[in-house]
Amino acid sequence: MRFDAHFFGAQSFVNAAEQKKILIGTGGKTGVYYVVSNSICRMVNSELRRQGMRCDHREGGSVRNINEVHSGEVDIVLICS
């Protein structure tokens, strides 16, 4: 599986003095969504760290992820509908 992402204009999201953390809610560690979120975070962390952005992910499952994105606890969720 190949996953490509491009982060155009990422500098506009982050003030140089502050660091923005992107938190991704995903499925269990043995699932595909966890692997995808790990890959997204690796790309963000390697490409955008100089602009003050970093990424982390945590497992939770679909229901928890939906609740957490609605409450603002996570920024992005990977779920199955």
N, C-alpha and C. Protein backbone atom coordinates (compact mmCIF):
# COMPACT_ATOMS: atom_id res chain seq x y z
N MET A 1 0.85 -1.16 0.00
CA MET A 1 0.00 0.00 0.00
C MET A 1 0.90 1.23 0.00
N ARG A 2 0.54 2.20 -0.79
CA ARG A 2 1.29 3.45 -0.86
C ARG A 2 0.37 4.58 -0.43
N PHE A 3 0.88 5.45 0.39
CA PHE A 3 0.11 6.59 0.86
C PHE A 3 0.96 7.83 0.66
N ASP A 4 0.45 8.76 -0.13
CA ASP A 4 1.15 10.02 -0.37
C ASP A 4 0.34 11.16 0.18
N ALA A 5 1.01 12.10 0.78
CA ALA A 5 0.33 13.30 1.27
C ALA A 5 1.22 14.50 1.01
N HIS A 6 0.60 15.59 0.74
CA HIS A 6 1.33 16.83 0.50
C HIS A 6 0.76 17.88 1.44
N PHE A 7 1.64 18.63 2.06
CA PHE A 7 1.25 19.62 3.04
C PHE A 7 1.54 21.01 2.51
N PHE A 8 0.69 21.47 1.62
CA PHE A 8 0.87 22.78 1.03
C PHE A 8 0.40 23.86 1.99
N GLY A 9 1.18 24.90 2.11
CA GLY A 9 0.79 26.03 2.93
C GLY A 9 0.75 25.75 4.41
N ALA A 10 1.45 24.75 4.86
CA ALA A 10 1.39 24.40 6.28
C ALA A 10 1.94 25.51 7.16
N GLN A 11 2.84 26.30 6.63
CA GLN A 11 3.41 27.38 7.41
C GLN A 11 2.35 28.38 7.86
N SER A 12 1.31 28.53 7.08
CA SER A 12 0.28 29.50 7.43
C SER A 12 -0.55 29.08 8.63
N PHE A 13 -0.50 27.80 8.99
CA PHE A 13 -1.29 27.31 10.12
C PHE A 13 -0.62 27.55 11.47
N VAL A 14 0.69 27.74 11.46
CA VAL A 14 1.42 27.74 12.71
C VAL A 14 2.26 28.99 12.85
N ASN A 15 2.13 29.66 13.96
CA ASN A 15 3.00 30.76 14.33
C ASN A 15 4.35 30.14 14.70
N ALA A 16 5.43 30.74 14.26
CA ALA A 16 6.75 30.18 14.52
C ALA A 16 7.04 30.03 16.00
N ALA A 17 6.44 30.85 16.84
CA ALA A 17 6.70 30.81 18.28
C ALA A 17 5.92 29.69 18.98
N GLU A 18 4.91 29.15 18.34
CA GLU A 18 4.12 28.11 18.98
C GLU A 18 4.20 26.82 18.18
N GLN A 19 3.99 25.72 18.85
CA GLN A 19 3.99 24.43 18.18
C GLN A 19 2.58 23.90 18.17
N LYS A 20 2.12 23.46 17.02
CA LYS A 20 0.79 22.89 16.86
C LYS A 20 0.91 21.39 16.83
N LYS A 21 0.17 20.74 17.71
CA LYS A 21 0.15 19.29 17.73
C LYS A 21 -1.13 18.80 17.07
N ILE A 22 -0.99 17.92 16.12
CA ILE A 22 -2.12 17.28 15.46
C ILE A 22 -2.28 15.91 16.10
N LEU A 23 -3.46 15.64 16.62
CA LEU A 23 -3.72 14.34 17.25
C LEU A 23 -4.72 13.58 16.41
N ILE A 24 -4.37 12.37 16.01
CA ILE A 24 -5.21 11.53 15.18
C ILE A 24 -5.77 10.39 16.04
N GLY A 25 -7.09 10.24 16.04
CA GLY A 25 -7.74 9.11 16.69
C GLY A 25 -7.87 7.98 15.69
N THR A 26 -7.51 6.79 16.08
CA THR A 26 -7.48 5.68 15.15
C THR A 26 -7.95 4.38 15.82
N GLY A 27 -7.83 3.30 15.13
CA GLY A 27 -8.23 2.00 15.65
C GLY A 27 -7.12 1.34 16.44
N GLY A 28 -7.27 0.05 16.71
CA GLY A 28 -6.30 -0.70 17.49
C GLY A 28 -4.95 -0.85 16.80
N LYS A 29 -3.93 -1.15 17.58
CA LYS A 29 -2.56 -1.21 17.08
C LYS A 29 -2.34 -2.28 16.01
N THR A 30 -3.21 -3.25 15.93
CA THR A 30 -3.04 -4.30 14.93
C THR A 30 -3.81 -4.01 13.64
N GLY A 31 -4.51 -2.91 13.58
CA GLY A 31 -5.35 -2.60 12.43
C GLY A 31 -4.70 -1.69 11.40
N VAL A 32 -5.35 -1.61 10.26
CA VAL A 32 -4.86 -0.80 9.14
C VAL A 32 -4.86 0.69 9.47
N TYR A 33 -5.91 1.17 10.15
CA TYR A 33 -6.00 2.61 10.44
C TYR A 33 -4.86 3.08 11.33
N TYR A 34 -4.42 2.23 12.24
CA TYR A 34 -3.30 2.58 13.10
C TYR A 34 -2.02 2.74 12.27
N VAL A 35 -1.82 1.83 11.33
CA VAL A 35 -0.65 1.90 10.45
C VAL A 35 -0.71 3.17 9.60
N VAL A 36 -1.89 3.48 9.07
CA VAL A 36 -2.05 4.69 8.24
C VAL A 36 -1.77 5.94 9.08
N SER A 37 -2.35 6.01 10.28
CA SER A 37 -2.13 7.20 11.11
C SER A 37 -0.67 7.32 11.52
N ASN A 38 -0.01 6.21 11.76
CA ASN A 38 1.42 6.24 12.06
C ASN A 38 2.21 6.80 10.88
N SER A 39 1.84 6.41 9.67
CA SER A 39 2.51 6.91 8.47
C SER A 39 2.27 8.41 8.29
N ILE A 40 1.04 8.85 8.52
CA ILE A 40 0.73 10.28 8.42
C ILE A 40 1.58 11.06 9.42
N CYS A 41 1.65 10.58 10.64
CA CYS A 41 2.43 11.27 11.67
C CYS A 41 3.92 11.29 11.33
N ARG A 42 4.43 10.21 10.80
CA ARG A 42 5.84 10.21 10.41
C ARG A 42 6.11 11.27 9.35
N MET A 43 5.21 11.40 8.38
CA MET A 43 5.39 12.42 7.34
C MET A 43 5.30 13.82 7.92
N VAL A 44 4.29 14.06 8.74
CA VAL A 44 4.15 15.39 9.36
C VAL A 44 5.38 15.71 10.19
N ASN A 45 5.80 14.77 11.01
CA ASN A 45 6.93 15.02 11.90
C ASN A 45 8.24 15.23 11.14
N SER A 46 8.42 14.54 10.04
CA SER A 46 9.67 14.72 9.29
C SER A 46 9.64 15.95 8.39
N GLU A 47 8.49 16.29 7.85
CA GLU A 47 8.40 17.39 6.89
C GLU A 47 8.04 18.73 7.51
N LEU A 48 7.28 18.73 8.58
CA LEU A 48 6.73 19.98 9.08
C LEU A 48 7.23 20.38 10.47
N ARG A 49 8.12 19.62 11.02
CA ARG A 49 8.64 19.96 12.36
C ARG A 49 9.29 21.34 12.38
N ARG A 50 9.99 21.69 11.33
CA ARG A 50 10.65 23.00 11.27
C ARG A 50 9.64 24.15 11.30
N GLN A 51 8.41 23.89 10.85
CA GLN A 51 7.36 24.90 10.87
C GLN A 51 6.58 24.87 12.19
N GLY A 52 6.98 24.02 13.12
CA GLY A 52 6.34 23.98 14.42
C GLY A 52 5.17 23.03 14.54
N MET A 53 5.01 22.14 13.58
CA MET A 53 3.92 21.17 13.65
C MET A 53 4.47 19.81 14.03
N ARG A 54 3.69 19.09 14.82
CA ARG A 54 4.04 17.71 15.10
C ARG A 54 2.75 16.91 15.22
N CYS A 55 2.89 15.62 15.09
CA CYS A 55 1.72 14.75 15.03
C CYS A 55 1.90 13.59 15.99
N ASP A 56 0.79 13.17 16.56
CA ASP A 56 0.75 11.98 17.39
C ASP A 56 -0.58 11.28 17.12
N HIS A 57 -0.66 10.02 17.43
CA HIS A 57 -1.90 9.28 17.22
C HIS A 57 -2.14 8.36 18.39
N ARG A 58 -3.41 8.03 18.59
CA ARG A 58 -3.77 7.12 19.67
C ARG A 58 -4.93 6.26 19.24
N GLU A 59 -4.96 5.07 19.80
CA GLU A 59 -6.03 4.14 19.46
C GLU A 59 -7.26 4.43 20.31
N GLY A 60 -8.42 4.15 19.74
CA GLY A 60 -9.63 4.38 20.49
C GLY A 60 -10.84 3.66 19.92
N GLY A 61 -10.87 3.46 18.64
CA GLY A 61 -12.03 2.83 18.00
C GLY A 61 -13.02 3.87 17.52
N SER A 62 -13.93 3.44 16.65
CA SER A 62 -14.83 4.36 15.94
C SER A 62 -15.69 5.22 16.86
N VAL A 63 -16.38 4.62 17.81
CA VAL A 63 -17.30 5.38 18.66
C VAL A 63 -16.52 6.40 19.49
N ARG A 64 -15.47 5.96 20.13
CA ARG A 64 -14.65 6.88 20.93
C ARG A 64 -14.09 8.00 20.06
N ASN A 65 -13.60 7.65 18.87
CA ASN A 65 -13.02 8.66 17.98
C ASN A 65 -14.05 9.70 17.56
N ILE A 66 -15.25 9.27 17.24
CA ILE A 66 -16.30 10.22 16.86
C ILE A 66 -16.60 11.16 18.02
N ASN A 67 -16.73 10.60 19.22
CA ASN A 67 -16.99 11.45 20.39
C ASN A 67 -15.85 12.42 20.65
N GLU A 68 -14.61 11.95 20.49
CA GLU A 68 -13.46 12.81 20.76
C GLU A 68 -13.27 13.89 19.71
N VAL A 69 -13.59 13.62 18.46
CA VAL A 69 -13.46 14.67 17.45
C VAL A 69 -14.55 15.73 17.66
N HIS A 70 -15.73 15.31 18.10
CA HIS A 70 -16.80 16.27 18.40
C HIS A 70 -16.46 17.14 19.61
N SER A 71 -15.78 16.56 20.59
CA SER A 71 -15.43 17.32 21.79
C SER A 71 -14.14 18.11 21.63
N GLY A 72 -13.43 17.90 20.51
CA GLY A 72 -12.19 18.63 20.27
C GLY A 72 -10.95 17.99 20.87
N GLU A 73 -11.08 16.79 21.41
CA GLU A 73 -9.92 16.11 22.00
C GLU A 73 -8.94 15.62 20.95
N VAL A 74 -9.43 15.27 19.77
CA VAL A 74 -8.56 14.88 18.65
C VAL A 74 -8.89 15.76 17.46
N ASP A 75 -7.93 15.88 16.55
CA ASP A 75 -8.11 16.75 15.39
C ASP A 75 -8.62 16.01 14.16
N ILE A 76 -8.20 14.77 14.02
CA ILE A 76 -8.53 13.96 12.85
C ILE A 76 -8.87 12.56 13.35
N VAL A 77 -9.85 11.91 12.72
CA VAL A 77 -10.16 10.53 13.08
C VAL A 77 -10.16 9.67 11.82
N LEU A 78 -9.76 8.44 12.01
CA LEU A 78 -9.85 7.43 10.95
C LEU A 78 -10.84 6.39 11.45
N ILE A 79 -11.97 6.30 10.79
CA ILE A 79 -13.03 5.38 11.23
C ILE A 79 -13.63 4.66 10.03
N CYS A 80 -14.31 3.61 10.31
CA CYS A 80 -15.04 2.87 9.30
C CYS A 80 -16.53 3.19 9.47
N SER A 81 -17.18 3.55 8.39
CA SER A 81 -18.60 3.88 8.50
C SER A 81 -19.48 2.68 8.21
